[in-house]
Every structure is written in structure tokens, then in C-alpha cells.
Amino acid sequence: PVRVVVSQLQLVATPIDPAQWDEADRDNWRWARKQAKIETLSALHAAMHAHAEAAAPAAAAEGAAEPAGGGSTSSRLMSKMLANLELTLEGVHVRYKDSSASAASPDPATTAASAPSAARGSCKGPG
């Protein structure tokens, strides 16, 4: 199997200020997304095509008949690739940060570094 391990991933999400985006920025962003999808699909298609060409002599030697169109070959290859994929996520931290939340509470990274070791990790309710 192909093992993909993603470890210690930190994601910080912030809202997009609509005042900072104009129509040209939106169009550029949409175009970049489309180009990324096309590149991903092209690479996947090339990999599937290369695998199908490599597997064709073996299938012909076994006398296996492929249906016309090749749709089943690509779907079987995709299923096989996904079945052999093992994805492990370890230590993923997601934080949403907006202007109202950051003004109300300090950055956790700076407060954890300056807090006494006995107080770290403790949770207290209000009051």
C-alpha cells in the first residue's frame, strides 16, 4: 500500500473581507482553481494511461478481453489506487481567527510561552 502520513499540521482560517476583493481578484482566484484541477486530472490521466499500457501485455497474455471504451479499465485502476492508499493524520490543529476573537483573547502561542508551568493546560471557568 501507499502510505501518506501528515503530521503536526496547523491550519489557521480567517474570514475574507469582501471589501478587499474586487471582481478581477475573484476571476483570478477562480482561474487558478480551474488550472489546479486541470493539472491534477492531467497527471492522474497520464498515470492511469501509463499503468494501462504497462498492464495491457499481461492482460493480452492471459486472454482477458477488455470492453470497448476503456471506462471500466480506468475505473478499476482508480478503485485499485484508492484501495491501496493509506492516509494517516496526526496532530492536526485547526484554528479560526477573526478580528473580534483576536481582540478579545491573546494569541495562545504567546500566552503559553509566558505562563507558569503549573498553570499550563489548566482550564478555569469564569469567575
Foldseek 3Di string as FASTA:
>chain_A
DAEDEAEQAEAEAEDDDPVVDDPVNVVVVVVVVVVVVVVVVVVLVVVLVVVCVVCVVVCVVVVHDDDPPCPVSSVVVVVVVVVPYHYHYYNYHYHYDYDVVCVVDPDPVVCQVPDDPVPPPDDDDDD
